[in-house]
C-alpha atoms as a PDB file:
ATOM      1  CA  UNK A   1      93.417  69.350 115.840  1.00  0.00           C
ATOM      2  CA  UNK A   2      94.736  66.776 113.374  1.00  0.00           C
ATOM      3  CA  UNK A   3      93.605  67.192 109.766  1.00  0.00           C
ATOM      4  CA  UNK A   4      94.641  65.605 106.471  1.00  0.00           C
ATOM      5  CA  UNK A   5      97.658  67.476 105.119  1.00  0.00           C
ATOM      6  CA  UNK A   6      96.121  67.783 101.657  1.00  0.00           C
ATOM      7  CA  UNK A   7      92.593  68.763 102.668  1.00  0.00           C
ATOM      8  CA  UNK A   8      92.803  72.222 101.059  1.00  0.00           C
ATOM      9  CA  UNK A   9      93.715  70.655  97.707  1.00  0.00           C
ATOM     10  CA  UNK A  10      90.627  68.437  97.445  1.00  0.00           C
ATOM     11  CA  UNK A  11      88.436  68.976  94.383  1.00  0.00           C
ATOM     12  CA  UNK A  12      85.695  71.545  94.740  1.00  0.00           C
ATOM     13  CA  UNK A  13      82.754  72.940  92.789  1.00  0.00           C
ATOM     14  CA  UNK A  14      79.201  72.130  91.801  1.00  0.00           C
ATOM     15  CA  UNK A  15      78.300  69.364  89.396  1.00  0.00           C
ATOM     16  CA  UNK A  16      76.047  70.054  86.413  1.00  0.00           C
ATOM     17  CA  UNK A  17      72.252  69.904  86.472  1.00  0.00           C
ATOM     18  CA  UNK A  18      71.691  67.075  83.979  1.00  0.00           C
ATOM     19  CA  UNK A  19      70.546  63.742  85.432  1.00  0.00           C
ATOM     20  CA  UNK A  20      71.152  60.280  84.026  1.00  0.00           C
ATOM     21  CA  UNK A  21      68.336  57.781  84.454  1.00  0.00           C
ATOM     22  CA  UNK A  22      69.497  55.128  86.903  1.00  0.00           C
ATOM     23  CA  UNK A  23      70.500  54.541  90.502  1.00  0.00           C
ATOM     24  CA  UNK A  24      73.711  54.950  92.482  1.00  0.00           C
ATOM     25  CA  UNK A  25      73.926  52.506  95.422  1.00  0.00           C
ATOM     26  CA  UNK A  26      76.366  53.285  98.229  1.00  0.00           C
ATOM     27  CA  UNK A  27      77.650  50.762 100.763  1.00  0.00           C
ATOM     28  CA  UNK A  28      78.369  51.695 104.367  1.00  0.00           C
ATOM     29  CA  UNK A  29      81.562  51.105 106.301  1.00  0.00           C
ATOM     30  CA  UNK A  30      81.931  54.000 108.768  1.00  0.00           C
ATOM     31  CA  UNK A  31      85.147  55.909 107.974  1.00  0.00           C
ATOM     32  CA  UNK A  32      85.937  53.556 105.115  1.00  0.00           C
ATOM     33  CA  UNK A  33      83.177  55.590 103.499  1.00  0.00           C
ATOM     34  CA  UNK A  34      85.835  58.229 102.756  1.00  0.00           C
ATOM     35  CA  UNK A  35      86.604  55.956  99.793  1.00  0.00           C
ATOM     36  CA  UNK A  36      83.048  56.560  98.581  1.00  0.00           C
ATOM     37  CA  UNK A  37      83.511  60.327  98.946  1.00  0.00           C
ATOM     38  CA  UNK A  38      86.345  60.112  96.431  1.00  0.00           C
ATOM     39  CA  UNK A  39      84.253  57.973  94.093  1.00  0.00           C
ATOM     40  CA  UNK A  40      81.294  60.373  94.218  1.00  0.00           C
ATOM     41  CA  UNK A  41      83.504  63.404  93.570  1.00  0.00           C
ATOM     42  CA  UNK A  42      85.021  61.781  90.482  1.00  0.00           C
ATOM     43  CA  UNK A  43      81.546  60.851  89.235  1.00  0.00           C
ATOM     44  CA  UNK A  44      80.217  64.370  89.772  1.00  0.00           C
ATOM     45  CA  UNK A  45      83.229  65.973  88.094  1.00  0.00           C
ATOM     46  CA  UNK A  46      82.443  63.870  85.025  1.00  0.00           C
ATOM     47  CA  UNK A  47      78.718  64.610  85.001  1.00  0.00           C
ATOM     48  CA  UNK A  48      77.673  61.143  86.219  1.00  0.00           C
ATOM     49  CA  UNK A  49      74.653  62.312  88.209  1.00  0.00           C
ATOM     50  CA  UNK A  50      72.186  59.471  88.555  1.00  0.00           C
ATOM     51  CA  UNK A  51      68.480  60.215  88.923  1.00  0.00           C
ATOM     52  CA  UNK A  52      68.330  58.156  92.134  1.00  0.00           C
ATOM     53  CA  UNK A  53      70.717  57.456  94.984  1.00  0.00           C
ATOM     54  CA  UNK A  54      70.305  54.999  97.850  1.00  0.00           C
ATOM     55  CA  UNK A  55      72.796  54.723 100.704  1.00  0.00           C
ATOM     56  CA  UNK A  56      73.414  52.773 103.882  1.00  0.00           C
ATOM     57  CA  UNK A  57      75.184  54.276 106.917  1.00  0.00           C
ATOM     58  CA  UNK A  58      78.259  56.158 105.648  1.00  0.00           C
ATOM     59  CA  UNK A  59      76.791  55.605 102.195  1.00  0.00           C
ATOM     60  CA  UNK A  60      73.727  57.611 103.213  1.00  0.00           C
ATOM     61  CA  UNK A  61      75.950  60.469 104.412  1.00  0.00           C
ATOM     62  CA  UNK A  62      77.838  60.408 101.120  1.00  0.00           C
ATOM     63  CA  UNK A  63      74.524  60.294  99.311  1.00  0.00           C
ATOM     64  CA  UNK A  64      73.542  63.625 100.839  1.00  0.00           C
ATOM     65  CA  UNK A  65      76.640  65.211  99.307  1.00  0.00           C
ATOM     66  CA  UNK A  66      76.077  63.493  95.979  1.00  0.00           C
ATOM     67  CA  UNK A  67      72.457  64.627  95.686  1.00  0.00           C
ATOM     68  CA  UNK A  68      73.386  68.174  96.707  1.00  0.00           C
ATOM     69  CA  UNK A  69      75.887  68.064  93.844  1.00  0.00           C
ATOM     70  CA  UNK A  70      78.739  69.467  95.919  1.00  0.00           C
ATOM     71  CA  UNK A  71      82.113  68.155  94.831  1.00  0.00           C
ATOM     72  CA  UNK A  72      84.556  67.755  97.710  1.00  0.00           C
ATOM     73  CA  UNK A  73      82.182  68.618 100.557  1.00  0.00           C
ATOM     74  CA  UNK A  74      81.880  65.160 102.131  1.00  0.00           C
ATOM     75  CA  UNK A  75      85.604  64.559 101.810  1.00  0.00           C
ATOM     76  CA  UNK A  76      86.414  67.851 103.501  1.00  0.00           C
ATOM     77  CA  UNK A  77      84.105  67.143 106.429  1.00  0.00           C
ATOM     78  CA  UNK A  78      85.796  63.858 107.322  1.00  0.00           C
ATOM     79  CA  UNK A  79      89.336  64.874 106.416  1.00  0.00           C
ATOM     80  CA  UNK A  80      89.125  68.092 108.414  1.00  0.00           C
ATOM     81  CA  UNK A  81      86.826  67.361 111.367  1.00  0.00           C
ATOM     82  CA  UNK A  82      87.513  63.698 112.178  1.00  0.00           C
ATOM     83  CA  UNK A  83      89.263  64.798 115.405  1.00  0.00           C
ATOM     84  CA  UNK A  84      86.851  67.587 116.306  1.00  0.00           C
ATOM     85  CA  UNK A  85      85.083  66.455 119.497  1.00  0.00           C
ATOM     86  CA  UNK A  86      81.849  68.020 118.305  1.00  0.00           C
ATOM     87  CA  UNK A  87      81.833  65.589 115.368  1.00  0.00           C
ATOM     88  CA  UNK A  88      83.422  62.388 116.707  1.00  0.00           C
ATOM     89  CA  UNK A  89      84.019  61.355 120.304  1.00  0.00           C
ATOM     90  CA  UNK A  90      82.832  61.979 123.834  1.00  0.00           C
ATOM     91  CA  UNK A  91      81.312  65.429 123.237  1.00  0.00           C
ATOM     92  CA  UNK A  92      79.301  64.001 120.382  1.00  0.00           C
ATOM     93  CA  UNK A  93      78.299  61.039 122.548  1.00  0.00           C
ATOM     94  CA  UNK A  94      76.950  63.309 125.287  1.00  0.00           C
ATOM     95  CA  UNK A  95      75.034  65.549 122.896  1.00  0.00           C
ATOM     96  CA  UNK A  96      73.814  62.928 120.403  1.00  0.00           C
ATOM     97  CA  UNK A  97      73.740  59.621 122.316  1.00  0.00           C
ATOM     98  CA  UNK A  98      76.153  58.224 119.727  1.00  0.00           C
ATOM     99  CA  UNK A  99      79.772  58.726 118.701  1.00  0.00           C
ATOM    100  CA  UNK A 100      78.881  60.873 115.666  1.00  0.00           C
ATOM    101  CA  UNK A 101      77.765  64.456 116.271  1.00  0.00           C
ATOM    102  CA  UNK A 102      74.875  64.801 113.870  1.00  0.00           C
ATOM    103  CA  UNK A 103      73.817  68.137 115.335  1.00  0.00           C
ATOM    104  CA  UNK A 104      77.292  69.475 114.505  1.00  0.00           C
ATOM    105  CA  UNK A 105      77.220  67.841 111.077  1.00  0.00           C
ATOM    106  CA  UNK A 106      73.778  69.059 110.043  1.00  0.00           C
ATOM    107  CA  UNK A 107      73.450  72.332 111.974  1.00  0.00           C
ATOM    108  CA  UNK A 108      76.950  73.768 112.447  1.00  0.00           C
ATOM    109  CA  UNK A 109      79.086  72.521 109.551  1.00  0.00           C
ATOM    110  CA  UNK A 110      76.913  74.399 106.974  1.00  0.00           C
ATOM    111  CA  UNK A 111      78.091  77.671 108.575  1.00  0.00           C
ATOM    112  CA  UNK A 112      81.583  77.078 107.201  1.00  0.00           C
ATOM    113  CA  UNK A 113      80.907  74.504 104.471  1.00  0.00           C
ATOM    114  CA  UNK A 114      77.630  75.737 102.938  1.00  0.00           C
ATOM    115  CA  UNK A 115      75.080  73.089 101.994  1.00  0.00           C
ATOM    116  CA  UNK A 116      73.160  73.376  98.727  1.00  0.00           C
ATOM    117  CA  UNK A 117      69.753  72.617 100.200  1.00  0.00           C
ATOM    118  CA  UNK A 118      67.877  73.781  97.097  1.00  0.00           C
ATOM    119  CA  UNK A 119      69.742  71.310  94.896  1.00  0.00           C
ATOM    120  CA  UNK A 120      69.378  68.520  97.451  1.00  0.00           C
ATOM    121  CA  UNK A 121      65.619  68.998  97.745  1.00  0.00           C
ATOM    122  CA  UNK A 122      64.766  69.124  94.054  1.00  0.00           C
ATOM    123  CA  UNK A 123      62.232  66.366  93.347  1.00  0.00           C
ATOM    124  CA  UNK A 124      63.825  65.225  90.075  1.00  0.00           C
ATOM    125  CA  UNK A 125      66.529  63.298  91.942  1.00  0.00           C
ATOM    126  CA  UNK A 126      65.425  60.631  94.409  1.00  0.00           C
ATOM    127  CA  UNK A 127      67.394  59.906  97.567  1.00  0.00           C
ATOM    128  CA  UNK A 128      66.811  57.057 100.014  1.00  0.00           C
ATOM    129  CA  UNK A 129      68.506  56.361 103.349  1.00  0.00           C
ATOM    130  CA  UNK A 130      68.433  52.765 104.588  1.00  0.00           C
ATOM    131  CA  UNK A 131      67.979  51.993 108.290  1.00  0.00           C
ATOM    132  CA  UNK A 132      67.014  48.976 110.389  1.00  0.00           C
ATOM    133  CA  UNK A 133      63.812  48.941 112.425  1.00  0.00           C
ATOM    134  CA  UNK A 134      64.836  47.770 115.903  1.00  0.00           C
ATOM    135  CA  UNK A 135      61.375  46.409 116.751  1.00  0.00           C
ATOM    136  CA  UNK A 136      60.809  44.374 113.607  1.00  0.00           C
ATOM    137  CA  UNK A 137      64.374  43.660 112.509  1.00  0.00           C
ATOM    138  CA  UNK A 138      63.289  44.723 109.021  1.00  0.00           C
ATOM    139  CA  UNK A 139      64.888  47.135 106.595  1.00  0.00           C
ATOM    140  CA  UNK A 140      63.352  50.600 106.332  1.00  0.00           C
ATOM    141  CA  UNK A 141      63.799  52.684 103.180  1.00  0.00           C
ATOM    142  CA  UNK A 142      63.259  56.355 103.986  1.00  0.00           C
ATOM    143  CA  UNK A 143      62.878  58.604 100.961  1.00  0.00           C
ATOM    144  CA  UNK A 144      63.574  62.309 100.643  1.00  0.00           C
ATOM    145  CA  UNK A 145      60.351  64.313 100.481  1.00  0.00           C
ATOM    146  CA  UNK A 146      58.385  61.642 102.337  1.00  0.00           C
ATOM    147  CA  UNK A 147      59.953  61.866 105.809  1.00  0.00           C
ATOM    148  CA  UNK A 148      62.476  63.814 107.875  1.00  0.00           C
ATOM    149  CA  UNK A 149      65.319  62.671 105.646  1.00  0.00           C
ATOM    150  CA  UNK A 150      68.103  63.995 107.870  1.00  0.00           C
ATOM    151  CA  UNK A 151      66.702  62.106 110.841  1.00  0.00           C
ATOM    152  CA  UNK A 152      66.629  59.024 108.596  1.00  0.00           C
ATOM    153  CA  UNK A 153      70.261  59.569 107.581  1.00  0.00           C
ATOM    154  CA  UNK A 154      71.144  59.848 111.263  1.00  0.00           C
ATOM    155  CA  UNK A 155      69.384  56.553 111.977  1.00  0.00           C
ATOM    156  CA  UNK A 156      71.051  54.884 109.000  1.00  0.00           C
ATOM    157  CA  UNK A 157      74.522  55.873 110.180  1.00  0.00           C
ATOM    158  CA  UNK A 158      74.068  55.426 113.945  1.00  0.00           C
ATOM    159  CA  UNK A 159      76.313  52.496 114.801  1.00  0.00           C
ATOM    160  CA  UNK A 160      74.926  49.743 116.991  1.00  0.00           C
ATOM    161  CA  UNK A 161      76.368  49.282 120.491  1.00  0.00           C
ATOM    162  CA  UNK A 162      77.522  52.923 120.701  1.00  0.00           C
ATOM    163  CA  UNK A 163      74.294  54.713 119.703  1.00  0.00           C
ATOM    164  CA  UNK A 164      70.747  54.928 120.972  1.00  0.00           C
ATOM    165  CA  UNK A 165      67.942  54.171 118.511  1.00  0.00           C
ATOM    166  CA  UNK A 166      66.796  57.147 116.447  1.00  0.00           C
ATOM    167  CA  UNK A 167      63.053  57.630 116.054  1.00  0.00           C
ATOM    168  CA  UNK A 168      61.999  58.076 112.416  1.00  0.00           C
ATOM    169  CA  UNK A 169      58.284  58.187 111.608  1.00  0.00           C
ATOM    170  CA  UNK A 170      57.630  56.724 115.063  1.00  0.00           C
ATOM    171  CA  UNK A 171      59.984  53.778 114.489  1.00  0.00           C
ATOM    172  CA  UNK A 172      63.135  53.169 116.584  1.00  0.00           C
ATOM    173  CA  UNK A 173      65.920  52.637 114.066  1.00  0.00           C
ATOM    174  CA  UNK A 174      69.669  52.051 113.925  1.00  0.00           C
ATOM    175  CA  UNK A 175      72.421  51.296 111.418  1.00  0.00           C
ATOM    176  CA  UNK A 176      71.015  50.076 108.123  1.00  0.00           C
ATOM    177  CA  UNK A 177      74.019  47.769 107.852  1.00  0.00           C
ATOM    178  CA  UNK A 178      72.403  45.363 110.308  1.00  0.00           C
ATOM    179  CA  UNK A 179      70.141  44.155 107.487  1.00  0.00           C
ATOM    180  CA  UNK A 180      71.426  45.661 104.220  1.00  0.00           C
ATOM    181  CA  UNK A 181      75.035  46.457 103.449  1.00  0.00           C
ATOM    182  CA  UNK A 182      74.985  47.412  99.777  1.00  0.00           C
ATOM    183  CA  UNK A 183      71.444  48.476  98.833  1.00  0.00           C
ATOM    184  CA  UNK A 184      71.326  47.307  95.220  1.00  0.00           C
ATOM    185  CA  UNK A 185      68.134  45.314  95.872  1.00  0.00           C
ATOM    186  CA  UNK A 186      66.178  48.581  96.296  1.00  0.00           C
ATOM    187  CA  UNK A 187      67.340  49.686  92.856  1.00  0.00           C
ATOM    188  CA  UNK A 188      66.404  46.327  91.314  1.00  0.00           C
ATOM    189  CA  UNK A 189      62.994  46.325  93.012  1.00  0.00           C
ATOM    190  CA  UNK A 190      62.361  49.837  91.697  1.00  0.00           C
ATOM    191  CA  UNK A 191      63.076  48.658  88.133  1.00  0.00           C
ATOM    192  CA  UNK A 192      66.142  50.764  87.434  1.00  0.00           C
ATOM    193  CA  UNK A 193      67.919  49.502  84.335  1.00  0.00           C
ATOM    194  CA  UNK A 194      71.224  51.241  85.024  1.00  0.00           C
ATOM    195  CA  UNK A 195      72.647  50.620  88.497  1.00  0.00           C
ATOM    196  CA  UNK A 196      76.083  51.638  89.748  1.00  0.00           C
ATOM    197  CA  UNK A 197      77.146  50.102  93.059  1.00  0.00           C
ATOM    198  CA  UNK A 198      80.003  51.515  95.144  1.00  0.00           C
ATOM    199  CA  UNK A 199      81.628  49.065  97.557  1.00  0.00           C
ATOM    200  CA  UNK A 200      83.954  49.905 100.444  1.00  0.00           C
ATOM    201  CA  UNK A 201      85.611  46.508 100.409  1.00  0.00           C
ATOM    202  CA  UNK A 202      87.516  44.726  97.648  1.00  0.00           C
ATOM    203  CA  UNK A 203      85.758  42.016  95.689  1.00  0.00           C
ATOM    204  CA  UNK A 204      87.389  39.107  97.520  1.00  0.00           C
ATOM    205  CA  UNK A 205      86.558  40.311 101.023  1.00  0.00           C
ATOM    206  CA  UNK A 206      84.154  38.244 103.112  1.00  0.00           C
ATOM    207  CA  UNK A 207      83.349  38.443 106.827  1.00  0.00           C
ATOM    208  CA  UNK A 208      84.295  35.811 109.377  1.00  0.00           C
ATOM    209  CA  UNK A 209      81.506  34.851 111.836  1.00  0.00           C
ATOM    210  CA  UNK A 210      81.931  36.403 115.287  1.00  0.00           C
ATOM    211  CA  UNK A 211      80.651  35.908 118.797  1.00  0.00           C
ATOM    212  CA  UNK A 212      77.861  38.440 119.319  1.00  0.00           C
ATOM    213  CA  UNK A 213      77.547  38.132 123.086  1.00  0.00           C
ATOM    214  CA  UNK A 214      77.260  41.920 123.360  1.00  0.00           C
ATOM    215  CA  UNK A 215      74.160  41.885 121.165  1.00  0.00           C
ATOM    216  CA  UNK A 216      72.448  39.476 123.570  1.00  0.00           C
ATOM    217  CA  UNK A 217      73.174  41.794 126.469  1.00  0.00           C
ATOM    218  CA  UNK A 218      72.352  45.127 124.849  1.00  0.00           C
ATOM    219  CA  UNK A 219      69.336  44.344 122.701  1.00  0.00           C
ATOM    220  CA  UNK A 220      67.117  42.155 124.885  1.00  0.00           C
ATOM    221  CA  UNK A 221      64.441  44.815 124.376  1.00  0.00           C
ATOM    222  CA  UNK A 222      64.710  44.332 120.614  1.00  0.00           C
ATOM    223  CA  UNK A 223      65.038  40.567 119.991  1.00  0.00           C
ATOM    224  CA  UNK A 224      64.407  40.902 116.247  1.00  0.00           C
ATOM    225  CA  UNK A 225      67.228  43.416 115.920  1.00  0.00           C
ATOM    226  CA  UNK A 226      69.457  41.200 118.076  1.00  0.00           C
ATOM    227  CA  UNK A 227      68.765  38.330 115.683  1.00  0.00           C
ATOM    228  CA  UNK A 228      69.922  40.490 112.754  1.00  0.00           C
ATOM    229  CA  UNK A 229      73.212  41.182 114.498  1.00  0.00           C
ATOM    230  CA  UNK A 230      73.706  37.503 115.307  1.00  0.00           C
ATOM    231  CA  UNK A 231      73.495  36.648 111.611  1.00  0.00           C
ATOM    232  CA  UNK A 232      75.084  39.728 110.070  1.00  0.00           C
ATOM    233  CA  UNK A 233      78.209  38.023 108.679  1.00  0.00           C
ATOM    234  CA  UNK A 234      76.260  35.308 106.880  1.00  0.00           C
ATOM    235  CA  UNK A 235      73.854  37.845 105.403  1.00  0.00           C
ATOM    236  CA  UNK A 236      76.724  40.094 104.334  1.00  0.00           C
ATOM    237  CA  UNK A 237      78.573  37.283 102.559  1.00  0.00           C
ATOM    238  CA  UNK A 238      75.442  36.156 100.701  1.00  0.00           C
ATOM    239  CA  UNK A 239      74.841  39.740  99.620  1.00  0.00           C
ATOM    240  CA  UNK A 240      78.402  39.994  98.294  1.00  0.00           C
ATOM    241  CA  UNK A 241      78.069  36.717  96.381  1.00  0.00           C
ATOM    242  CA  UNK A 242      74.837  37.853  94.752  1.00  0.00           C
ATOM    243  CA  UNK A 243      76.308  41.213  93.824  1.00  0.00           C
ATOM    244  CA  UNK A 244      79.345  39.584  92.209  1.00  0.00           C
ATOM    245  CA  UNK A 245      77.007  37.517  90.024  1.00  0.00           C
ATOM    246  CA  UNK A 246      74.950  40.555  89.021  1.00  0.00           C
ATOM    247  CA  UNK A 247      78.131  42.408  88.148  1.00  0.00           C
ATOM    248  CA  UNK A 248      79.517  39.532  86.083  1.00  0.00           C
ATOM    249  CA  UNK A 249      76.209  39.319  84.221  1.00  0.00           C
ATOM    250  CA  UNK A 250      76.339  43.039  83.426  1.00  0.00           C
ATOM    251  CA  UNK A 251      73.070  43.740  85.240  1.00  0.00           C
ATOM    252  CA  UNK A 252      74.835  46.207  87.532  1.00  0.00           C
ATOM    253  CA  UNK A 253      78.200  47.936  87.423  1.00  0.00           C
ATOM    254  CA  UNK A 254      80.196  47.477  90.619  1.00  0.00           C
ATOM    255  CA  UNK A 255      83.056  49.758  91.652  1.00  0.00           C
ATOM    256  CA  UNK A 256      85.329  47.944  94.109  1.00  0.00           C
ATOM    257  CA  UNK A 257      88.391  49.362  95.868  1.00  0.00           C
ATOM    258  CA  UNK A 258      91.419  48.340  93.828  1.00  0.00           C
ATOM    259  CA  UNK A 259      93.307  47.467  97.024  1.00  0.00           C
ATOM    260  CA  UNK A 260      92.254  45.672 100.225  1.00  0.00           C
ATOM    261  CA  UNK A 261      91.297  48.067 103.010  1.00  0.00           C
ATOM    262  CA  UNK A 262      92.000  45.853 106.007  1.00  0.00           C
ATOM    263  CA  UNK A 263      94.424  48.453 107.356  1.00  0.00           C
ATOM    264  CA  UNK A 264      91.647  51.079 107.561  1.00  0.00           C
ATOM    265  CA  UNK A 265      89.498  50.728 110.696  1.00  0.00           C
ATOM    266  CA  UNK A 266      85.835  51.653 110.943  1.00  0.00           C
ATOM    267  CA  UNK A 267      86.739  54.687 113.053  1.00  0.00           C
ATOM    268  CA  UNK A 268      90.189  55.224 111.546  1.00  0.00           C
ATOM    269  CA  UNK A 269      92.082  58.016 113.372  1.00  0.00           C
ATOM    270  CA  UNK A 270      95.074  58.354 110.996  1.00  0.00           C
ATOM    271  CA  UNK A 271      94.332  61.344 108.788  1.00  0.00           C
ATOM    272  CA  UNK A 272      96.963  60.515 106.162  1.00  0.00           C
ATOM    273  CA  UNK A 273      95.456  57.043 105.787  1.00  0.00           C
ATOM    274  CA  UNK A 274      92.039  58.636 105.288  1.00  0.00           C
ATOM    275  CA  UNK A 275      93.457  61.058 102.723  1.00  0.00           C
ATOM    276  CA  UNK A 276      95.020  58.105 100.887  1.00  0.00           C
ATOM    277  CA  UNK A 277      91.648  56.359 101.024  1.00  0.00           C
ATOM    278  CA  UNK A 278      89.838  59.352  99.503  1.00  0.00           C
ATOM    279  CA  UNK A 279      92.233  59.495  96.572  1.00  0.00           C
ATOM    280  CA  UNK A 280      92.083  55.734  96.104  1.00  0.00           C
ATOM    281  CA  UNK A 281      88.341  56.105  95.512  1.00  0.00           C
ATOM    282  CA  UNK A 282      88.815  59.169  93.333  1.00  0.00           C
ATOM    283  CA  UNK A 283      91.533  57.638  91.143  1.00  0.00           C
ATOM    284  CA  UNK A 284      89.894  54.185  90.981  1.00  0.00           C
ATOM    285  CA  UNK A 285      86.823  55.893  89.516  1.00  0.00           C
ATOM    286  CA  UNK A 286      88.736  57.984  87.003  1.00  0.00           C
ATOM    287  CA  UNK A 287      90.492  54.816  85.846  1.00  0.00           C
ATOM    288  CA  UNK A 288      87.079  53.190  85.258  1.00  0.00           C
ATOM    289  CA  UNK A 289      85.414  56.204  83.636  1.00  0.00           C
ATOM    290  CA  UNK A 290      85.328  54.742  80.114  1.00  0.00           C
ATOM    291  CA  UNK A 291      83.775  51.561  81.497  1.00  0.00           C
ATOM    292  CA  UNK A 292      81.208  53.609  83.413  1.00  0.00           C
ATOM    293  CA  UNK A 293      80.302  55.688  80.384  1.00  0.00           C
ATOM    294  CA  UNK A 294      80.009  52.589  78.199  1.00  0.00           C
ATOM    295  CA  UNK A 295      77.739  50.905  80.757  1.00  0.00           C
ATOM    296  CA  UNK A 296      75.519  53.998  80.846  1.00  0.00           C
ATOM    297  CA  UNK A 297      75.595  54.182  77.035  1.00  0.00           C
ATOM    298  CA  UNK A 298      76.950  57.730  77.152  1.00  0.00           C
ATOM    299  CA  UNK A 299      78.825  59.322  74.289  1.00  0.00           C
ATOM    300  CA  UNK A 300      81.725  61.719  74.789  1.00  0.00           C
ATOM    301  CA  UNK A 301      79.296  64.500  73.909  1.00  0.00           C
ATOM    302  CA  UNK A 302      77.085  63.516  76.847  1.00  0.00           C
END
């Protein structure tokens, strides 16, 4: 099984207990989310543990690792098990009705990469997974402690076209990225003053409109969800434009990849590319640490 050659050298450990008032917002992007794993590890190593975290798709999966405070865990999962059929591929498709094996991820991986459930479940740190309601075409924000959060994370990161809807609180849901790509609006609506946003695309990236004929065929049962998919590029680009303005105004702090990631596919199979991506996120964040600390008004003592 192919793994990243440097997987055993990834950072490890548990971040400290202190929380900083504010919200970390994590964009999706499938396996481009390995960039976010590197970002989160660098933040945790430096004690940047926000009191709230909201994530979409791969961002929700990274959010689980961030809230559990486990440095290196998310990176190790993707850089070691990307080519394990229980996690990604046909075996996962048969068992989970989608290309990601969530039963393996949530039920088997903890046997060899222990999960700090006690830390994850502590009420002091909020965590929200963002999914799309297939019936209404509306965004659903599922919060830890108020629902089956792991089922919500599964829904958030179940890619359209290759996954069946996941039922959360009686609602059929799929990829949160159909309606929200970078969930900073949740943080703004919840009145957080300090908001850090992690992107998985460079600042200049915008989507080109596509032909969504497959959506018309596959989602006749869910016309509202189909409509979301038909307009996803326009919505994404507007979201990016708004986020750039908020960042320039200093209302939020946005961490963008320092290099374009066009050569990394959503289900990237090249493990050395994914390892490079992890360290791009990790080193980009270390390079911005003074800026992050200044934005959060932290002293060196903090």
